[in-house]
Amino acid sequence: MDKTDLSYTLADIASRIGAELRGDGSVEVKGLATLQKAQAGQISFLANKNYLKHLKDTCASAVILPSSLADQCSTNVLMMENSYFGYALCSQLFAPQWSSMSGVSTSAVVSESAKLGDGVTIGSNAVVEDDAEIGDGVVVGPGCYIGVGSVVGANTQLRPNVTVYHGVSIGARVLIHSGAVIGSDGFGFAPNRGDWAKIAQLGGVVIGDDVEIGANTTIDRGALDDTVIETGAKLDNQIQIAHNVRVGAYTVIAACVGVSGSSSIGKHCMIGGGVGIAGHLEIADQVQITGMTLVTHNIKEPGVYSSGTAVEPNASWRKNVARFRQLDQLARRVRVLEQGGRRKSDAD
């Protein structure tokens, strides 16, 4: 479906996103654009006051913004205190269908023992193994694989070339992007005289409702218990979730994060890009970890946590690294000086 096929009146949009309309509700809108680039027939939004300078001259047919800024807008207004949330809801109205398929492709391979709900779509060259259960309205993209006994909840979408191993449970309204692998073996080996014996990974993966998993993200199955991604969590591209990890409800994780085995991340956390989390750790609810941070110990209290140093000129960085290497020696010298000061004070 082309984006130009979608059209709504402002009154309809206001009702759908829960906004208060100030202006002409009969105006038709066919798309979204920034304040600077919007034209007649498009809707825009203002969530960052740095862009307030563009509000007066925008050509948009309407703008989503907080009520405190409504008087500064020269066009129709959809008032929402959380205008960025309003933009998110509005963007969903104009999202084109990613697939025009319906039914089961003749080139798909679906086991006779698999259970398919009503309105299921299965794309070309997809494979659905024995005893898998596919819920109502599920879309399985071309080239996907769903393993033995796995369950996919209602209205979930698997974009092309998603791999779901055996014994995986996926909730309702989940979106999994291309290249993701769910339920591959966790990294488990037992050392013995210089060799390694593979530990069979006997657990599964459980994914809650309304989860999104980005392209080429991998989620390993548990060794004994399950790896769990709770309801509403959002995972970006190229994330590695190791075996027996638990990601709490509504936590968001940016790209290239690695979470080692058996660690537990709380609810409503925000994990920045490139973060590394060591194994067997617990991170409390409502923790924010900034990009490229290395987490090596439990985080027991909500808050913002960081590690590492920001970029700086190489010459300055080299000097600071040299000084960093001297910190232990410097700390010992300070301790000796403090002890000497205390002995002198006692003698006085």
Protein backbone atom coordinates (compact mmCIF):
# COMPACT_ATOMS: atom_id res chain seq x y z
CA MET A 1 0.00 0.00 0.00
CA ASP A 2 1.34 3.42 -0.96
CA LYS A 3 1.38 6.12 1.70
CA THR A 4 -0.76 8.34 -0.52
CA ASP A 5 -3.60 5.84 -0.20
CA LEU A 6 -4.05 6.83 3.44
CA SER A 7 -6.15 9.84 4.36
CA TYR A 8 -7.85 11.03 7.56
CA THR A 9 -9.71 14.13 8.66
CA LEU A 10 -8.28 16.09 11.56
CA ALA A 11 -11.36 15.24 13.61
CA ASP A 12 -10.71 11.54 13.00
CA ILE A 13 -7.03 11.85 13.91
CA ALA A 14 -7.86 13.77 17.10
CA SER A 15 -10.25 11.02 18.14
CA ARG A 16 -7.77 8.25 17.34
CA ILE A 17 -4.81 9.74 19.24
CA GLY A 18 -6.76 11.33 22.08
CA ALA A 19 -5.96 14.94 21.23
CA GLU A 20 -8.04 18.09 21.66
CA LEU A 21 -8.69 19.71 18.29
CA ARG A 22 -8.53 23.47 17.83
CA GLY A 23 -9.44 24.30 14.26
CA ASP A 24 -11.22 22.80 11.25
CA GLY A 25 -11.89 19.11 11.82
CA SER A 26 -12.88 18.53 8.18
CA VAL A 27 -9.35 19.16 6.86
CA GLU A 28 -7.90 16.04 5.24
CA VAL A 29 -4.40 14.85 6.07
CA LYS A 30 -2.40 12.36 3.99
CA GLY A 31 0.97 12.23 5.71
CA LEU A 32 3.48 13.39 8.30
CA ALA A 33 6.45 15.74 7.98
CA THR A 34 8.74 17.96 10.04
CA LEU A 35 7.73 21.55 10.79
CA GLN A 36 10.26 22.81 8.24
CA LYS A 37 9.23 20.53 5.36
CA ALA A 38 5.50 19.97 5.93
CA GLN A 39 3.10 21.09 3.21
CA ALA A 40 -0.68 21.41 2.98
CA GLY A 41 -2.27 18.02 3.60
CA GLN A 42 0.43 16.99 6.08
CA ILE A 43 0.54 17.00 9.87
CA SER A 44 3.56 17.83 12.01
CA PHE A 45 4.47 17.94 15.70
CA LEU A 46 6.50 19.95 18.19
CA ALA A 47 8.07 18.08 21.10
CA ASN A 48 11.41 19.88 21.38
CA LYS A 49 11.43 23.62 22.03
CA ASN A 50 14.60 23.95 19.95
CA TYR A 51 12.27 23.75 16.93
CA LEU A 52 9.85 26.36 18.21
CA LYS A 53 11.35 28.87 15.77
CA HIS A 54 9.85 26.89 12.88
CA LEU A 55 6.31 26.82 14.27
CA LYS A 56 5.17 30.24 13.06
CA ASP A 57 6.10 29.64 9.42
CA THR A 58 5.15 25.98 9.03
CA CYS A 59 2.93 25.07 6.09
CA ALA A 60 1.52 21.98 7.82
CA SER A 61 -2.26 21.57 7.89
CA ALA A 62 -2.03 20.86 11.62
CA VAL A 63 0.54 20.53 14.39
CA ILE A 64 0.50 18.25 17.44
CA LEU A 65 1.77 20.25 20.41
CA PRO A 66 1.19 21.01 24.11
CA SER A 67 -1.63 23.41 24.98
CA SER A 68 0.89 25.95 26.32
CA LEU A 69 2.17 26.50 22.77
CA ALA A 70 -1.17 26.44 20.98
CA ASP A 71 -1.46 30.26 20.76
CA GLN A 72 1.86 30.42 18.90
CA CYS A 73 0.66 28.16 16.10
CA SER A 74 -0.74 29.74 12.93
CA THR A 75 -2.54 26.60 11.72
CA ASN A 76 -4.85 23.93 13.14
CA VAL A 77 -3.75 22.42 16.43
CA LEU A 78 -4.04 18.97 18.00
CA MET A 79 -3.29 19.59 21.67
CA MET A 80 -1.55 16.87 23.67
CA GLU A 81 0.69 17.47 26.67
CA ASN A 82 2.88 14.57 25.53
CA SER A 83 3.13 15.65 21.92
CA TYR A 84 5.88 13.15 21.10
CA PHE A 85 3.57 10.33 22.17
CA GLY A 86 0.90 11.89 19.96
CA TYR A 87 3.33 11.88 17.05
CA ALA A 88 4.06 8.19 17.70
CA LEU A 89 0.37 7.32 17.59
CA CYS A 90 -0.16 9.43 14.48
CA SER A 91 2.76 7.78 12.69
CA GLN A 92 1.06 4.41 13.09
CA LEU A 93 -1.95 5.70 11.15
CA PHE A 94 0.20 6.43 8.11
CA ALA A 95 2.41 3.33 8.17
CA PRO A 96 2.01 1.38 4.92
CA GLN A 97 1.48 -2.36 4.97
CA TRP A 98 4.81 -4.14 4.71
CA SER A 99 3.24 -7.17 3.04
CA SER A 100 0.39 -7.59 0.58
CA MET A 101 0.32 -11.37 0.96
CA SER A 102 -2.61 -13.31 2.37
CA GLY A 103 -3.08 -16.98 3.15
CA VAL A 104 -0.38 -19.65 2.96
CA SER A 105 2.06 -19.50 0.06
CA THR A 106 2.25 -22.59 -2.13
CA SER A 107 6.02 -22.68 -1.57
CA ALA A 108 5.72 -22.63 2.23
CA VAL A 109 6.24 -25.90 4.09
CA VAL A 110 3.76 -26.31 6.94
CA SER A 111 3.64 -29.49 9.01
CA GLU A 112 0.32 -31.31 9.14
CA SER A 113 0.50 -31.27 12.94
CA ALA A 114 0.98 -27.48 13.12
CA LYS A 115 -2.03 -25.49 14.28
CA LEU A 116 -2.91 -22.33 12.34
CA GLY A 117 -5.37 -19.75 13.65
CA ASP A 118 -7.80 -17.69 11.60
CA GLY A 119 -6.41 -15.19 9.10
CA VAL A 120 -2.82 -16.45 9.26
CA THR A 121 -0.43 -15.39 6.49
CA ILE A 122 2.65 -17.47 5.72
CA GLY A 123 5.03 -16.20 3.06
CA SER A 124 6.98 -17.99 0.37
CA ASN A 125 9.63 -20.52 1.42
CA ALA A 126 8.71 -20.27 5.09
CA VAL A 127 8.83 -23.44 7.20
CA VAL A 128 6.55 -24.29 10.12
CA GLU A 129 7.58 -27.48 11.96
CA ASP A 130 5.61 -30.14 13.83
CA ASP A 131 3.25 -29.10 16.65
CA ALA A 132 3.94 -25.39 16.21
CA GLU A 133 0.98 -23.14 17.04
CA ILE A 134 0.35 -19.96 15.05
CA GLY A 135 -2.28 -17.62 16.50
CA ASP A 136 -5.01 -15.64 14.77
CA GLY A 137 -3.86 -12.90 12.42
CA VAL A 138 -0.17 -13.81 12.56
CA VAL A 139 1.98 -12.81 9.58
CA VAL A 140 5.00 -15.02 8.93
CA GLY A 141 7.22 -13.38 6.33
CA PRO A 142 9.04 -15.09 3.46
CA GLY A 143 11.91 -17.35 4.45
CA CYS A 144 10.99 -17.56 8.14
CA TYR A 145 11.50 -20.74 10.16
CA ILE A 146 9.37 -21.76 13.16
CA GLY A 147 10.65 -24.78 15.05
CA VAL A 148 8.99 -27.78 16.64
CA GLY A 149 6.46 -26.95 19.33
CA SER A 150 6.97 -23.20 19.22
CA VAL A 151 4.01 -20.89 19.85
CA VAL A 152 3.40 -17.54 18.14
CA GLY A 153 0.66 -15.38 19.68
CA ALA A 154 -2.16 -13.57 17.91
CA ASN A 155 -1.39 -10.67 15.55
CA THR A 156 2.35 -11.11 15.85
CA GLN A 157 4.47 -10.27 12.79
CA LEU A 158 7.67 -12.00 11.77
CA ARG A 159 9.43 -10.02 9.07
CA PRO A 160 11.29 -11.95 6.34
CA ASN A 161 13.99 -14.44 7.37
CA VAL A 162 13.30 -14.61 11.10
CA THR A 163 14.41 -17.87 12.75
CA VAL A 164 12.44 -19.19 15.73
CA TYR A 165 13.97 -22.38 17.13
CA HIS A 166 12.04 -25.18 18.86
CA GLY A 167 10.24 -24.67 22.15
CA VAL A 168 9.94 -20.89 21.94
CA SER A 169 6.86 -19.04 23.20
CA ILE A 170 6.09 -15.64 21.62
CA GLY A 171 3.21 -13.50 22.91
CA ALA A 172 0.59 -11.43 21.12
CA ARG A 173 1.26 -8.34 18.96
CA VAL A 174 5.01 -8.95 18.90
CA LEU A 175 7.09 -7.54 16.03
CA ILE A 176 10.34 -9.33 15.13
CA HIS A 177 12.50 -7.85 12.38
CA SER A 178 14.48 -9.62 9.69
CA GLY A 179 17.49 -11.71 10.61
CA ALA A 180 16.57 -12.10 14.28
CA VAL A 181 17.29 -15.52 15.79
CA ILE A 182 15.22 -16.61 18.77
CA GLY A 183 16.15 -19.69 20.76
CA SER A 184 19.61 -20.59 19.48
CA ASP A 185 21.91 -22.40 21.91
CA GLY A 186 23.34 -20.49 24.81
CA PHE A 187 27.14 -20.38 25.08
CA GLY A 188 27.73 -23.19 27.56
CA PHE A 189 30.82 -25.43 27.73
CA ALA A 190 32.48 -27.36 30.57
CA PRO A 191 36.31 -27.44 30.61
CA ASN A 192 38.12 -30.75 30.95
CA ARG A 193 41.89 -31.16 30.52
CA GLY A 194 42.16 -28.47 27.89
CA ASP A 195 39.07 -29.55 26.00
CA TRP A 196 35.46 -28.31 26.16
CA ALA A 197 32.30 -30.40 26.54
CA LYS A 198 29.15 -28.77 25.19
CA ILE A 199 26.35 -28.24 27.72
CA ALA A 200 23.04 -29.01 26.04
CA GLN A 201 20.72 -26.03 26.32
CA LEU A 202 17.46 -27.55 27.58
CA GLY A 203 15.48 -24.40 28.40
CA GLY A 204 13.47 -22.23 26.05
CA VAL A 205 12.69 -18.59 25.35
CA VAL A 206 9.54 -16.83 26.56
CA ILE A 207 8.64 -13.48 24.96
CA GLY A 208 5.73 -11.48 26.40
CA ASP A 209 3.06 -9.45 24.61
CA ASP A 210 3.79 -6.21 22.72
CA VAL A 211 7.54 -6.80 22.48
CA GLU A 212 9.61 -5.53 19.53
CA ILE A 213 12.89 -7.19 18.54
CA GLY A 214 15.22 -5.52 16.05
CA ALA A 215 17.01 -6.85 12.98
CA ASN A 216 19.80 -9.40 13.55
CA THR A 217 19.22 -9.49 17.29
CA THR A 218 19.86 -12.88 18.89
CA ILE A 219 18.18 -14.29 21.99
CA ASP A 220 19.65 -17.56 23.30
CA ARG A 221 17.56 -20.28 24.88
CA GLY A 222 18.10 -21.08 28.54
CA ALA A 223 20.42 -23.82 29.79
CA LEU A 224 17.76 -25.25 32.13
CA ASP A 225 15.30 -22.44 32.86
CA ASP A 226 13.95 -20.11 30.16
CA THR A 227 15.35 -16.86 28.84
CA VAL A 228 12.57 -14.29 29.35
CA ILE A 229 11.72 -11.01 27.63
CA GLU A 230 8.80 -9.51 29.53
CA THR A 231 5.77 -7.62 28.22
CA GLY A 232 6.36 -4.36 26.35
CA ALA A 233 10.16 -4.57 26.16
CA LYS A 234 11.75 -3.01 23.06
CA LEU A 235 15.06 -4.34 21.70
CA ASP A 236 16.98 -2.56 18.96
CA ASN A 237 19.12 -4.14 16.21
CA GLN A 238 22.17 -6.37 16.75
CA ILE A 239 21.67 -7.09 20.43
CA GLN A 240 22.94 -10.30 22.06
CA ILE A 241 20.82 -11.69 24.91
CA ALA A 242 22.55 -14.71 26.45
CA HIS A 243 20.99 -17.76 28.08
CA ASN A 244 18.81 -17.39 31.17
CA VAL A 245 18.73 -13.59 30.96
CA ARG A 246 15.56 -11.82 32.05
CA VAL A 247 14.63 -8.44 30.56
CA GLY A 248 11.95 -6.66 32.58
CA ALA A 249 8.68 -5.26 31.30
CA TYR A 250 8.83 -2.04 29.23
CA THR A 251 12.62 -1.91 29.30
CA VAL A 252 14.24 -0.49 26.15
CA ILE A 253 17.68 -1.58 24.92
CA ALA A 254 19.57 0.23 22.15
CA ALA A 255 21.71 -1.37 19.45
CA CYS A 256 24.85 -3.47 19.97
CA VAL A 257 24.25 -4.21 23.65
CA GLY A 258 25.57 -7.52 24.99
CA VAL A 259 23.98 -9.11 28.06
CA SER A 260 25.85 -12.08 29.51
CA GLY A 261 24.21 -15.19 30.88
CA SER A 262 21.87 -15.28 33.89
CA SER A 263 21.75 -11.52 34.37
CA SER A 264 18.42 -9.89 35.21
CA ILE A 265 17.44 -6.40 34.03
CA GLY A 266 14.54 -4.74 35.83
CA LYS A 267 11.38 -3.08 34.56
CA HIS A 268 11.29 0.33 32.83
CA CYS A 269 15.06 0.45 32.34
CA MET A 270 16.85 2.27 29.50
CA ILE A 271 20.07 0.71 28.22
CA GLY A 272 22.16 2.83 25.85
CA GLY A 273 23.95 1.62 22.72
CA GLY A 274 27.05 -0.56 23.04
CA VAL A 275 26.57 -1.30 26.75
CA GLY A 276 28.13 -4.52 28.06
CA ILE A 277 26.55 -6.30 31.02
CA ALA A 278 28.49 -9.08 32.74
CA GLY A 279 26.89 -12.34 33.78
CA HIS A 280 24.90 -13.23 36.92
CA LEU A 281 24.10 -9.60 37.75
CA GLU A 282 20.89 -7.93 38.91
CA ILE A 283 19.85 -4.49 37.72
CA ALA A 284 17.03 -2.74 39.59
CA ASP A 285 13.89 -1.28 38.04
CA GLN A 286 14.06 2.20 36.45
CA VAL A 287 17.80 2.20 35.86
CA GLN A 288 19.28 4.19 32.96
CA ILE A 289 22.70 3.10 31.66
CA THR A 290 24.41 5.46 29.23
CA GLY A 291 26.06 4.31 26.00
CA MET A 292 29.27 2.23 26.02
CA THR A 293 29.08 1.60 29.77
CA LEU A 294 30.52 -1.65 31.12
CA VAL A 295 28.45 -3.07 33.99
CA THR A 296 30.42 -5.45 36.21
CA HIS A 297 28.43 -5.40 39.46
CA ASN A 298 24.83 -5.33 40.66
CA ILE A 299 22.90 -2.08 40.41
CA LYS A 300 20.51 -2.01 43.35
CA GLU A 301 19.00 1.48 43.15
CA PRO A 302 17.18 3.39 40.35
CA GLY A 303 19.19 6.14 38.69
CA VAL A 304 21.56 6.98 35.85
CA TYR A 305 24.84 5.06 35.60
CA SER A 306 27.87 5.54 33.34
CA SER A 307 31.46 4.36 32.86
CA GLY A 308 34.28 5.07 30.44
CA THR A 309 35.46 8.43 29.21
CA ALA A 310 34.14 10.66 26.45
CA VAL A 311 36.10 11.32 23.27
CA GLU A 312 38.93 13.89 23.44
CA PRO A 313 42.01 14.81 21.37
CA ASN A 314 44.48 11.93 21.21
CA ALA A 315 47.33 13.83 22.85
CA SER A 316 45.16 14.67 25.87
CA TRP A 317 43.82 11.11 26.02
CA ARG A 318 47.34 9.62 26.06
CA LYS A 319 48.36 11.88 28.96
CA ASN A 320 45.25 10.94 30.93
CA VAL A 321 45.83 7.23 30.33
CA ALA A 322 49.38 7.57 31.65
CA ARG A 323 48.06 9.30 34.77
CA PHE A 324 45.36 6.70 35.20
CA ARG A 325 48.05 4.02 35.40
CA GLN A 326 49.67 5.94 38.27
CA LEU A 327 46.48 6.20 40.36
CA ASP A 328 47.23 3.16 42.53
CA GLN A 329 50.72 4.41 43.34
CA LEU A 330 49.35 7.88 44.05
CA ALA A 331 46.64 6.48 46.33
CA ARG A 332 49.25 4.57 48.34
CA ARG A 333 51.34 7.71 48.78
CA VAL A 334 48.31 9.70 49.93
CA ARG A 335 47.46 6.96 52.44
CA VAL A 336 50.99 7.08 53.88
CA LEU A 337 50.82 10.86 54.15
CA GLU A 338 47.43 10.69 55.89
CA GLN A 339 48.67 8.11 58.37
CA GLY A 340 51.73 10.25 59.10
CA GLY A 341 49.49 13.26 59.65
CA ARG A 342 47.30 11.36 62.11
CA ARG A 343 50.33 10.10 64.10
CA LYS A 344 51.69 13.65 64.33
CA SER A 345 48.30 14.91 65.50
CA ASP A 346 48.11 12.21 68.17
CA ALA A 347 51.59 13.11 69.41
CA ASP A 348 50.62 16.76 69.71
